[in-house]
Amino acid sequence: MIKQQNVPQEDFNSTNSKNPNLQAVTVEVEKITERQRQITATIKIPHPVEKVWQVLTDYQALSDFVPSLASSKKLEHPNGGIRLEQIGSQRLLRLNFSARVVLDLEESFPNLISFQMVEGDFKDFSGSWRLDSCLLDDKTGTSLCYTVKVWPKLTMPIRIIEPRLSQDMQSNLLAIRERVEELAENLPNS
């Protein structure tokens, strides 16, 4: 396995330097096989785990503030669990690109949400959200870690998808932090 810190692709770094906020998110990419990657992104959020959990599990609202998510909706699960359909949309090489996944989720409050693709536009798409309490400036905060294993179909070149997924994960984690902060400001005694 090959590990890379902070995804050193040239176009990714130029975007990163334009937005110093992205540096608040660390990204690690592992090459599992020639076409499979595991990407892990981590951010610190200055609010308790429960507030972050509330934002992550409001599944239908995720597409309202997560930049790369065009749609997120709950579906009926045949065994009474949590099933979610998500459609990601973005521009790649001057073309509009979208990918659809149907995920089965398992929640272990308040620290873990794991997911596994049951159908979609990848050979495999699975991962987890991990929430751990931490101390940030003498206040209780959350270390939020998002890990995804992705195995694109042959029609999707991994060399194009990998840097884009890494960049999107940074933007998405920043959007989650902003959403948590926005909701905390609107609640009394937060």
N, C-alpha and C. Protein backbone atom coordinates (compact mmCIF):
# COMPACT_ATOMS: atom_id res chain seq x y z
N MET A 1 0.83 -1.19 0.00
CA MET A 1 0.00 0.00 0.00
C MET A 1 0.88 1.25 0.00
N ILE A 2 0.48 2.23 -0.77
CA ILE A 2 1.20 3.49 -0.84
C ILE A 2 0.38 4.53 -0.08
N LYS A 3 1.03 5.27 0.79
CA LYS A 3 0.34 6.32 1.52
C LYS A 3 0.83 7.67 1.04
N GLN A 4 -0.09 8.61 0.92
CA GLN A 4 0.26 9.97 0.55
C GLN A 4 -0.40 10.90 1.56
N GLN A 5 0.33 11.86 2.05
CA GLN A 5 -0.23 12.87 2.94
C GLN A 5 -0.62 14.10 2.13
N ASN A 6 -1.75 14.67 2.43
CA ASN A 6 -2.20 15.93 1.84
C ASN A 6 -2.26 15.94 0.32
N VAL A 7 -2.46 14.81 -0.28
CA VAL A 7 -2.75 14.65 -1.70
C VAL A 7 -1.98 15.63 -2.57
N PRO A 8 -0.74 15.25 -2.99
CA PRO A 8 0.13 16.20 -3.64
C PRO A 8 -0.13 16.46 -5.12
N GLN A 9 -1.31 16.19 -5.64
CA GLN A 9 -1.56 16.47 -7.04
C GLN A 9 -1.50 17.97 -7.28
N GLU A 10 -0.94 18.36 -8.42
CA GLU A 10 -0.67 19.76 -8.71
C GLU A 10 -1.92 20.62 -8.67
N ASP A 11 -2.99 20.21 -9.36
CA ASP A 11 -4.19 21.04 -9.40
C ASP A 11 -4.85 21.10 -8.03
N PHE A 12 -4.71 20.05 -7.25
CA PHE A 12 -5.27 20.03 -5.90
C PHE A 12 -4.57 21.05 -5.02
N ASN A 13 -3.24 21.10 -5.09
CA ASN A 13 -2.48 22.05 -4.27
C ASN A 13 -2.78 23.49 -4.66
N SER A 14 -2.97 23.75 -5.94
CA SER A 14 -3.28 25.13 -6.32
C SER A 14 -4.63 25.55 -5.75
N THR A 15 -5.60 24.65 -5.74
CA THR A 15 -6.89 24.95 -5.12
C THR A 15 -6.72 25.12 -3.62
N ASN A 16 -5.93 24.25 -3.00
CA ASN A 16 -5.68 24.31 -1.56
C ASN A 16 -5.05 25.63 -1.17
N SER A 17 -4.09 26.13 -1.95
CA SER A 17 -3.44 27.38 -1.59
C SER A 17 -4.38 28.57 -1.78
N LYS A 18 -5.37 28.46 -2.65
CA LYS A 18 -6.34 29.53 -2.85
C LYS A 18 -7.31 29.61 -1.68
N ASN A 19 -7.52 28.50 -0.99
CA ASN A 19 -8.45 28.47 0.13
C ASN A 19 -7.73 27.90 1.35
N PRO A 20 -7.15 28.78 2.19
CA PRO A 20 -6.41 28.28 3.34
C PRO A 20 -7.27 27.51 4.33
N ASN A 21 -8.60 27.70 4.30
CA ASN A 21 -9.49 26.92 5.16
C ASN A 21 -9.35 25.43 4.92
N LEU A 22 -9.06 25.05 3.65
CA LEU A 22 -8.93 23.64 3.32
C LEU A 22 -7.80 22.99 4.11
N GLN A 23 -6.83 23.80 4.53
CA GLN A 23 -5.70 23.25 5.29
C GLN A 23 -6.12 22.78 6.68
N ALA A 24 -7.31 23.16 7.13
CA ALA A 24 -7.83 22.69 8.42
C ALA A 24 -8.23 21.23 8.34
N VAL A 25 -8.28 20.69 7.14
CA VAL A 25 -8.65 19.29 6.92
C VAL A 25 -7.41 18.54 6.45
N THR A 26 -7.08 17.44 7.15
CA THR A 26 -5.98 16.61 6.68
C THR A 26 -6.55 15.46 5.85
N VAL A 27 -5.84 15.12 4.80
CA VAL A 27 -6.28 14.06 3.90
C VAL A 27 -5.15 13.07 3.70
N GLU A 28 -5.50 11.80 3.75
CA GLU A 28 -4.53 10.74 3.49
C GLU A 28 -5.14 9.79 2.47
N VAL A 29 -4.34 9.43 1.45
CA VAL A 29 -4.80 8.52 0.41
C VAL A 29 -3.95 7.26 0.47
N GLU A 30 -4.62 6.12 0.49
CA GLU A 30 -3.92 4.83 0.43
C GLU A 30 -4.30 4.14 -0.87
N LYS A 31 -3.30 3.69 -1.59
CA LYS A 31 -3.53 2.91 -2.79
C LYS A 31 -3.66 1.45 -2.36
N ILE A 32 -4.85 0.90 -2.47
CA ILE A 32 -5.10 -0.49 -2.05
C ILE A 32 -4.72 -1.44 -3.19
N THR A 33 -5.23 -1.15 -4.39
CA THR A 33 -4.83 -1.86 -5.61
C THR A 33 -4.68 -0.80 -6.68
N GLU A 34 -4.42 -1.22 -7.89
CA GLU A 34 -4.24 -0.27 -8.99
C GLU A 34 -5.44 0.67 -9.13
N ARG A 35 -6.66 0.16 -8.89
CA ARG A 35 -7.86 0.97 -9.09
C ARG A 35 -8.67 1.21 -7.81
N GLN A 36 -8.20 0.76 -6.67
CA GLN A 36 -8.92 0.97 -5.41
C GLN A 36 -8.13 1.94 -4.53
N ARG A 37 -8.87 2.84 -3.87
CA ARG A 37 -8.25 3.79 -2.95
C ARG A 37 -9.05 3.83 -1.66
N GLN A 38 -8.33 4.12 -0.58
CA GLN A 38 -8.97 4.47 0.67
C GLN A 38 -8.53 5.90 0.97
N ILE A 39 -9.50 6.77 1.14
CA ILE A 39 -9.21 8.18 1.40
C ILE A 39 -9.79 8.51 2.76
N THR A 40 -8.96 9.13 3.61
CA THR A 40 -9.37 9.51 4.95
C THR A 40 -9.15 11.01 5.13
N ALA A 41 -10.19 11.69 5.60
CA ALA A 41 -10.10 13.12 5.86
C ALA A 41 -10.53 13.37 7.30
N THR A 42 -9.82 14.29 7.98
CA THR A 42 -10.10 14.58 9.38
C THR A 42 -10.15 16.09 9.61
N ILE A 43 -11.07 16.50 10.47
CA ILE A 43 -11.21 17.91 10.84
C ILE A 43 -11.57 17.99 12.31
N LYS A 44 -11.16 19.06 12.97
CA LYS A 44 -11.55 19.35 14.36
C LYS A 44 -12.69 20.37 14.32
N ILE A 45 -13.72 20.10 15.09
CA ILE A 45 -14.90 20.97 15.14
C ILE A 45 -15.10 21.41 16.59
N PRO A 46 -15.17 22.72 16.85
CA PRO A 46 -15.24 23.20 18.23
C PRO A 46 -16.63 23.08 18.87
N HIS A 47 -17.24 21.92 18.72
CA HIS A 47 -18.55 21.65 19.32
C HIS A 47 -18.59 20.18 19.73
N PRO A 48 -19.43 19.84 20.72
CA PRO A 48 -19.50 18.46 21.20
C PRO A 48 -19.97 17.47 20.13
N VAL A 49 -19.61 16.23 20.34
CA VAL A 49 -19.93 15.13 19.42
C VAL A 49 -21.43 15.09 19.10
N GLU A 50 -22.28 15.31 20.08
CA GLU A 50 -23.73 15.21 19.87
C GLU A 50 -24.22 16.21 18.82
N LYS A 51 -23.64 17.40 18.80
CA LYS A 51 -24.06 18.42 17.82
C LYS A 51 -23.60 18.02 16.41
N VAL A 52 -22.41 17.46 16.31
CA VAL A 52 -21.91 17.02 15.01
C VAL A 52 -22.74 15.82 14.52
N TRP A 53 -23.05 14.92 15.44
CA TRP A 53 -23.88 13.75 15.12
C TRP A 53 -25.23 14.19 14.54
N GLN A 54 -25.82 15.19 15.16
CA GLN A 54 -27.12 15.70 14.73
C GLN A 54 -27.06 16.16 13.27
N VAL A 55 -25.99 16.83 12.89
CA VAL A 55 -25.85 17.31 11.51
C VAL A 55 -25.64 16.12 10.56
N LEU A 56 -24.77 15.19 10.93
CA LEU A 56 -24.46 14.05 10.05
C LEU A 56 -25.67 13.15 9.81
N THR A 57 -26.52 13.00 10.81
CA THR A 57 -27.66 12.07 10.70
C THR A 57 -28.95 12.74 10.21
N ASP A 58 -28.87 14.02 9.87
CA ASP A 58 -30.00 14.67 9.21
C ASP A 58 -29.84 14.41 7.71
N TYR A 59 -29.98 13.14 7.34
CA TYR A 59 -29.59 12.66 6.01
C TYR A 59 -30.27 13.41 4.86
N GLN A 60 -31.53 13.72 5.02
CA GLN A 60 -32.26 14.40 3.94
C GLN A 60 -31.77 15.82 3.72
N ALA A 61 -31.17 16.44 4.74
CA ALA A 61 -30.71 17.83 4.63
C ALA A 61 -29.27 17.94 4.13
N LEU A 62 -28.54 16.84 4.04
CA LEU A 62 -27.13 16.89 3.68
C LEU A 62 -26.88 17.62 2.36
N SER A 63 -27.72 17.39 1.37
CA SER A 63 -27.50 18.03 0.07
C SER A 63 -27.78 19.54 0.10
N ASP A 64 -28.38 20.04 1.18
CA ASP A 64 -28.61 21.48 1.32
C ASP A 64 -27.31 22.25 1.57
N PHE A 65 -26.30 21.57 2.14
CA PHE A 65 -25.07 22.31 2.48
C PHE A 65 -23.77 21.60 2.10
N VAL A 66 -23.81 20.33 1.74
CA VAL A 66 -22.60 19.62 1.31
C VAL A 66 -22.40 19.91 -0.18
N PRO A 67 -21.29 20.59 -0.54
CA PRO A 67 -21.13 21.10 -1.90
C PRO A 67 -21.19 20.06 -3.02
N SER A 68 -20.64 18.88 -2.83
CA SER A 68 -20.59 17.91 -3.93
C SER A 68 -21.81 16.99 -3.98
N LEU A 69 -22.77 17.22 -3.11
CA LEU A 69 -23.93 16.35 -3.02
C LEU A 69 -25.15 17.02 -3.65
N ALA A 70 -25.61 16.49 -4.78
CA ALA A 70 -26.77 17.05 -5.47
C ALA A 70 -28.07 16.59 -4.83
N SER A 71 -28.07 15.38 -4.26
CA SER A 71 -29.28 14.82 -3.68
C SER A 71 -28.93 13.82 -2.58
N SER A 72 -29.73 13.81 -1.53
CA SER A 72 -29.58 12.83 -0.45
C SER A 72 -30.97 12.55 0.10
N LYS A 73 -31.42 11.32 -0.06
CA LYS A 73 -32.75 11.01 0.45
C LYS A 73 -32.80 9.60 1.01
N LYS A 74 -33.62 9.46 2.05
CA LYS A 74 -33.82 8.15 2.67
C LYS A 74 -34.74 7.32 1.80
N LEU A 75 -34.41 6.04 1.73
CA LEU A 75 -35.24 5.07 1.02
C LEU A 75 -35.74 4.04 2.02
N GLU A 76 -36.78 3.33 1.63
CA GLU A 76 -37.26 2.26 2.50
C GLU A 76 -36.23 1.13 2.49
N HIS A 77 -35.90 0.65 3.68
CA HIS A 77 -34.93 -0.44 3.83
C HIS A 77 -35.71 -1.75 4.02
N PRO A 78 -35.36 -2.81 3.30
CA PRO A 78 -36.13 -4.05 3.41
C PRO A 78 -36.09 -4.68 4.80
N ASN A 79 -35.07 -4.36 5.60
CA ASN A 79 -34.97 -4.94 6.95
C ASN A 79 -35.16 -3.91 8.05
N GLY A 80 -35.68 -2.75 7.70
CA GLY A 80 -35.96 -1.73 8.70
C GLY A 80 -34.74 -0.92 9.12
N GLY A 81 -33.64 -1.01 8.42
CA GLY A 81 -32.44 -0.24 8.74
C GLY A 81 -32.47 1.14 8.08
N ILE A 82 -31.32 1.71 7.88
CA ILE A 82 -31.20 3.02 7.25
C ILE A 82 -30.63 2.82 5.86
N ARG A 83 -31.39 3.23 4.85
CA ARG A 83 -30.94 3.16 3.46
C ARG A 83 -31.04 4.56 2.87
N LEU A 84 -29.99 4.95 2.18
CA LEU A 84 -29.87 6.30 1.67
C LEU A 84 -29.47 6.26 0.20
N GLU A 85 -30.11 7.09 -0.60
CA GLU A 85 -29.66 7.28 -1.99
C GLU A 85 -29.01 8.66 -2.06
N GLN A 86 -27.78 8.68 -2.58
CA GLN A 86 -27.07 9.95 -2.73
C GLN A 86 -26.57 10.07 -4.16
N ILE A 87 -26.66 11.30 -4.67
CA ILE A 87 -26.13 11.59 -6.00
C ILE A 87 -25.14 12.73 -5.86
N GLY A 88 -23.91 12.44 -6.25
CA GLY A 88 -22.87 13.46 -6.25
C GLY A 88 -22.76 14.04 -7.64
N SER A 89 -22.47 15.33 -7.71
CA SER A 89 -22.37 15.99 -9.00
C SER A 89 -21.24 16.99 -8.96
N GLN A 90 -20.47 17.05 -10.06
CA GLN A 90 -19.35 17.98 -10.16
C GLN A 90 -18.90 18.07 -11.61
N ARG A 91 -18.00 19.03 -11.85
CA ARG A 91 -17.42 19.17 -13.18
C ARG A 91 -16.03 18.56 -13.17
N LEU A 92 -15.78 17.68 -14.13
CA LEU A 92 -14.46 17.09 -14.32
C LEU A 92 -14.07 17.27 -15.79
N LEU A 93 -12.93 17.87 -16.02
CA LEU A 93 -12.43 18.06 -17.38
C LEU A 93 -13.48 18.71 -18.28
N ARG A 94 -14.09 19.76 -17.81
CA ARG A 94 -15.11 20.53 -18.53
C ARG A 94 -16.38 19.74 -18.84
N LEU A 95 -16.57 18.63 -18.17
CA LEU A 95 -17.78 17.83 -18.35
C LEU A 95 -18.50 17.72 -17.02
N ASN A 96 -19.83 17.70 -17.07
CA ASN A 96 -20.59 17.45 -15.86
C ASN A 96 -20.55 15.96 -15.57
N PHE A 97 -20.27 15.61 -14.33
CA PHE A 97 -20.13 14.22 -13.93
C PHE A 97 -21.01 14.00 -12.71
N SER A 98 -21.77 12.92 -12.72
CA SER A 98 -22.54 12.59 -11.52
C SER A 98 -22.41 11.10 -11.26
N ALA A 99 -22.52 10.75 -9.99
CA ALA A 99 -22.45 9.35 -9.57
C ALA A 99 -23.53 9.12 -8.53
N ARG A 100 -24.18 7.98 -8.63
CA ARG A 100 -25.27 7.63 -7.72
C ARG A 100 -24.85 6.41 -6.91
N VAL A 101 -25.17 6.47 -5.61
CA VAL A 101 -24.95 5.31 -4.75
C VAL A 101 -26.17 5.13 -3.85
N VAL A 102 -26.49 3.88 -3.57
CA VAL A 102 -27.48 3.54 -2.55
C VAL A 102 -26.69 2.87 -1.44
N LEU A 103 -26.79 3.44 -0.25
CA LEU A 103 -25.97 3.01 0.88
C LEU A 103 -26.85 2.46 2.00
N ASP A 104 -26.39 1.38 2.62
CA ASP A 104 -26.96 0.93 3.89
C ASP A 104 -26.06 1.45 4.99
N LEU A 105 -26.67 2.11 5.97
CA LEU A 105 -25.93 2.72 7.06
C LEU A 105 -26.21 2.02 8.36
N GLU A 106 -25.22 2.03 9.23
CA GLU A 106 -25.38 1.50 10.58
C GLU A 106 -24.84 2.55 11.55
N GLU A 107 -25.71 2.98 12.46
CA GLU A 107 -25.32 3.99 13.44
C GLU A 107 -24.96 3.34 14.78
N SER A 108 -23.86 3.80 15.36
CA SER A 108 -23.48 3.42 16.73
C SER A 108 -23.27 4.71 17.49
N PHE A 109 -24.39 5.27 17.99
CA PHE A 109 -24.35 6.58 18.67
C PHE A 109 -23.44 6.52 19.88
N PRO A 110 -22.61 7.52 20.08
CA PRO A 110 -22.43 8.76 19.32
C PRO A 110 -21.13 8.78 18.52
N ASN A 111 -20.53 7.63 18.27
CA ASN A 111 -19.18 7.66 17.72
C ASN A 111 -18.98 7.13 16.31
N LEU A 112 -19.93 6.39 15.74
CA LEU A 112 -19.63 5.76 14.45
C LEU A 112 -20.88 5.63 13.58
N ILE A 113 -20.72 6.01 12.32
CA ILE A 113 -21.72 5.75 11.30
C ILE A 113 -20.97 5.05 10.18
N SER A 114 -21.30 3.79 9.91
CA SER A 114 -20.63 3.08 8.83
C SER A 114 -21.62 2.90 7.68
N PHE A 115 -21.07 2.79 6.47
CA PHE A 115 -21.93 2.65 5.30
C PHE A 115 -21.30 1.71 4.29
N GLN A 116 -22.18 1.06 3.53
CA GLN A 116 -21.78 0.11 2.49
C GLN A 116 -22.71 0.29 1.30
N MET A 117 -22.14 0.42 0.11
CA MET A 117 -22.95 0.56 -1.09
C MET A 117 -23.66 -0.76 -1.39
N VAL A 118 -24.96 -0.67 -1.69
CA VAL A 118 -25.71 -1.85 -2.11
C VAL A 118 -26.02 -1.80 -3.61
N GLU A 119 -25.95 -0.62 -4.18
CA GLU A 119 -26.03 -0.47 -5.63
C GLU A 119 -25.52 0.92 -5.98
N GLY A 120 -25.04 1.04 -7.22
CA GLY A 120 -24.56 2.36 -7.61
C GLY A 120 -23.56 2.33 -8.74
N ASP A 121 -22.92 3.47 -8.96
CA ASP A 121 -22.05 3.68 -10.08
C ASP A 121 -20.58 3.34 -9.81
N PHE A 122 -20.32 2.60 -8.76
CA PHE A 122 -18.97 2.14 -8.43
C PHE A 122 -19.00 0.62 -8.28
N LYS A 123 -17.82 0.00 -8.35
CA LYS A 123 -17.74 -1.42 -8.02
C LYS A 123 -17.86 -1.59 -6.51
N ASP A 124 -17.29 -0.63 -5.77
CA ASP A 124 -17.39 -0.63 -4.31
C ASP A 124 -17.28 0.80 -3.82
N PHE A 125 -18.08 1.11 -2.80
CA PHE A 125 -18.04 2.42 -2.15
C PHE A 125 -18.51 2.16 -0.72
N SER A 126 -17.59 2.23 0.21
CA SER A 126 -17.93 1.96 1.61
C SER A 126 -17.05 2.80 2.51
N GLY A 127 -17.43 2.90 3.78
CA GLY A 127 -16.61 3.68 4.70
C GLY A 127 -17.31 3.98 5.99
N SER A 128 -16.86 5.06 6.63
CA SER A 128 -17.42 5.41 7.94
C SER A 128 -17.16 6.87 8.28
N TRP A 129 -17.97 7.34 9.21
CA TRP A 129 -17.78 8.61 9.89
C TRP A 129 -17.44 8.25 11.33
N ARG A 130 -16.33 8.74 11.85
CA ARG A 130 -15.94 8.47 13.24
C ARG A 130 -15.88 9.81 13.98
N LEU A 131 -16.55 9.87 15.12
CA LEU A 131 -16.60 11.08 15.93
C LEU A 131 -15.97 10.79 17.28
N ASP A 132 -14.94 11.55 17.64
CA ASP A 132 -14.27 11.38 18.93
C ASP A 132 -14.21 12.72 19.63
N SER A 133 -14.51 12.70 20.93
CA SER A 133 -14.38 13.93 21.72
C SER A 133 -12.92 14.32 21.83
N CYS A 134 -12.68 15.63 21.82
CA CYS A 134 -11.33 16.15 21.99
C CYS A 134 -11.43 17.51 22.67
N LEU A 135 -10.32 18.00 23.14
CA LEU A 135 -10.27 19.30 23.79
C LEU A 135 -9.72 20.31 22.80
N LEU A 136 -10.48 21.39 22.54
CA LEU A 136 -10.05 22.45 21.63
C LEU A 136 -10.16 23.78 22.37
N ASP A 137 -9.03 24.39 22.63
CA ASP A 137 -9.00 25.67 23.36
C ASP A 137 -9.81 25.59 24.66
N ASP A 138 -9.55 24.57 25.46
CA ASP A 138 -10.22 24.36 26.75
C ASP A 138 -11.72 24.14 26.65
N LYS A 139 -12.20 23.80 25.47
CA LYS A 139 -13.62 23.50 25.28
C LYS A 139 -13.73 22.10 24.69
N THR A 140 -14.87 21.46 24.93
CA THR A 140 -15.11 20.15 24.35
C THR A 140 -15.39 20.31 22.86
N GLY A 141 -14.64 19.57 22.07
CA GLY A 141 -14.82 19.59 20.63
C GLY A 141 -14.93 18.18 20.09
N THR A 142 -14.92 18.09 18.76
CA THR A 142 -15.04 16.80 18.08
C THR A 142 -13.96 16.66 17.02
N SER A 143 -13.33 15.52 17.02
CA SER A 143 -12.45 15.15 15.91
C SER A 143 -13.31 14.28 15.00
N LEU A 144 -13.58 14.78 13.79
CA LEU A 144 -14.43 14.08 12.84
C LEU A 144 -13.55 13.49 11.75
N CYS A 145 -13.67 12.18 11.57
CA CYS A 145 -12.86 11.46 10.59
C CYS A 145 -13.79 10.74 9.60
N TYR A 146 -13.62 11.04 8.33
CA TYR A 146 -14.42 10.42 7.26
C TYR A 146 -13.48 9.56 6.43
N THR A 147 -13.78 8.27 6.36
CA THR A 147 -12.98 7.33 5.58
C THR A 147 -13.86 6.69 4.53
N VAL A 148 -13.37 6.66 3.30
CA VAL A 148 -14.12 6.03 2.22
C VAL A 148 -13.18 5.15 1.40
N LYS A 149 -13.66 3.94 1.11
CA LYS A 149 -12.98 3.05 0.17
C LYS A 149 -13.75 3.13 -1.13
N VAL A 150 -13.03 3.43 -2.20
CA VAL A 150 -13.69 3.61 -3.48
C VAL A 150 -12.99 2.74 -4.53
N TRP A 151 -13.82 2.09 -5.32
CA TRP A 151 -13.35 1.26 -6.42
C TRP A 151 -14.21 1.61 -7.62
N PRO A 152 -13.73 2.53 -8.46
CA PRO A 152 -14.55 2.96 -9.60
C PRO A 152 -14.63 1.90 -10.69
N LYS A 153 -15.69 1.98 -11.47
CA LYS A 153 -15.81 1.11 -12.64
C LYS A 153 -14.78 1.55 -13.68
N LEU A 154 -14.53 0.70 -14.63
CA LEU A 154 -13.49 0.97 -15.64
C LEU A 154 -13.74 2.25 -16.43
N THR A 155 -14.99 2.68 -16.53
CA THR A 155 -15.30 3.89 -17.28
C THR A 155 -14.88 5.16 -16.54
N MET A 156 -14.50 5.04 -15.26
CA MET A 156 -14.07 6.19 -14.46
C MET A 156 -12.57 6.08 -14.19
N PRO A 157 -11.76 6.94 -14.79
CA PRO A 157 -10.31 6.87 -14.56
C PRO A 157 -9.95 7.26 -13.11
N ILE A 158 -9.28 6.38 -12.40
CA ILE A 158 -8.95 6.63 -10.99
C ILE A 158 -8.03 7.83 -10.83
N ARG A 159 -7.15 8.08 -11.79
CA ARG A 159 -6.22 9.20 -11.67
C ARG A 159 -6.95 10.55 -11.71
N ILE A 160 -8.14 10.56 -12.27
CA ILE A 160 -8.96 11.78 -12.28
C ILE A 160 -9.84 11.84 -11.04
N ILE A 161 -10.39 10.70 -10.65
CA ILE A 161 -11.32 10.65 -9.51
C ILE A 161 -10.61 10.88 -8.18
N GLU A 162 -9.43 10.30 -8.00
CA GLU A 162 -8.73 10.37 -6.71
C GLU A 162 -8.50 11.80 -6.22
N PRO A 163 -7.89 12.69 -7.01
CA PRO A 163 -7.68 14.05 -6.50
C PRO A 163 -8.99 14.80 -6.29
N ARG A 164 -9.97 14.52 -7.14
CA ARG A 164 -11.26 15.20 -7.01
C ARG A 164 -11.98 14.77 -5.74
N LEU A 165 -11.97 13.47 -5.46
CA LEU A 165 -12.59 12.97 -4.22
C LEU A 165 -11.90 13.57 -3.00
N SER A 166 -10.58 13.64 -3.03
CA SER A 166 -9.83 14.20 -1.91
C SER A 166 -10.20 15.66 -1.68
N GLN A 167 -10.27 16.41 -2.76
CA GLN A 167 -10.64 17.83 -2.65
C GLN A 167 -12.07 17.97 -2.15
N ASP A 168 -12.98 17.15 -2.68
CA ASP A 168 -14.37 17.21 -2.25
C ASP A 168 -14.51 16.85 -0.78
N MET A 169 -13.73 15.88 -0.31
CA MET A 169 -13.81 15.50 1.10
C MET A 169 -13.41 16.67 1.99
N GLN A 170 -12.40 17.43 1.57
CA GLN A 170 -12.02 18.61 2.33
C GLN A 170 -13.16 19.63 2.37
N SER A 171 -13.70 19.95 1.21
CA SER A 171 -14.79 20.93 1.14
C SER A 171 -16.01 20.46 1.92
N ASN A 172 -16.31 19.17 1.83
CA ASN A 172 -17.48 18.63 2.53
C ASN A 172 -17.31 18.69 4.05
N LEU A 173 -16.13 18.37 4.55
CA LEU A 173 -15.90 18.45 6.00
C LEU A 173 -15.97 19.89 6.49
N LEU A 174 -15.45 20.82 5.71
CA LEU A 174 -15.57 22.23 6.08
C LEU A 174 -17.04 22.66 6.10
N ALA A 175 -17.82 22.18 5.15
CA ALA A 175 -19.24 22.51 5.10
C ALA A 175 -19.97 21.94 6.32
N ILE A 176 -19.58 20.75 6.75
CA ILE A 176 -20.19 20.16 7.94
C ILE A 176 -19.84 20.99 9.17
N ARG A 177 -18.57 21.39 9.29
CA ARG A 177 -18.17 22.23 10.42
C ARG A 177 -18.96 23.54 10.42
N GLU A 178 -19.09 24.16 9.24
CA GLU A 178 -19.85 25.41 9.15
C GLU A 178 -21.31 25.20 9.52
N ARG A 179 -21.89 24.09 9.12
CA ARG A 179 -23.29 23.80 9.44
C ARG A 179 -23.47 23.62 10.95
N VAL A 180 -22.55 22.90 11.59
CA VAL A 180 -22.61 22.71 13.04
C VAL A 180 -22.52 24.07 13.73
N GLU A 181 -21.60 24.93 13.28
CA GLU A 181 -21.45 26.25 13.89
C GLU A 181 -22.69 27.11 13.67
N GLU A 182 -23.25 27.04 12.47
CA GLU A 182 -24.45 27.80 12.15
C GLU A 182 -25.62 27.37 13.05
N LEU A 183 -25.83 26.07 13.21
CA LEU A 183 -26.92 25.57 14.05
C LEU A 183 -26.68 25.90 15.51
N ALA A 184 -25.43 25.85 15.96
CA ALA A 184 -25.11 26.17 17.36
C ALA A 184 -25.39 27.63 17.66
N GLU A 185 -25.14 28.52 16.68
CA GLU A 185 -25.41 29.94 16.88
C GLU A 185 -26.90 30.23 17.00
N ASN A 186 -27.71 29.40 16.33
CA ASN A 186 -29.16 29.63 16.32
C ASN A 186 -29.89 28.96 17.49
N LEU A 187 -29.15 28.19 18.32
CA LEU A 187 -29.76 27.54 19.46
C LEU A 187 -29.39 28.28 20.75
N PRO A 188 -30.34 28.52 21.63
CA PRO A 188 -29.99 29.12 22.91
C PRO A 188 -29.18 28.14 23.76
N ASN A 189 -28.29 28.66 24.58
CA ASN A 189 -27.47 27.86 25.49
C ASN A 189 -26.63 26.81 24.77
N SER A 190 -26.11 27.14 23.61
CA SER A 190 -25.29 26.15 22.90
C SER A 190 -23.84 26.32 23.21
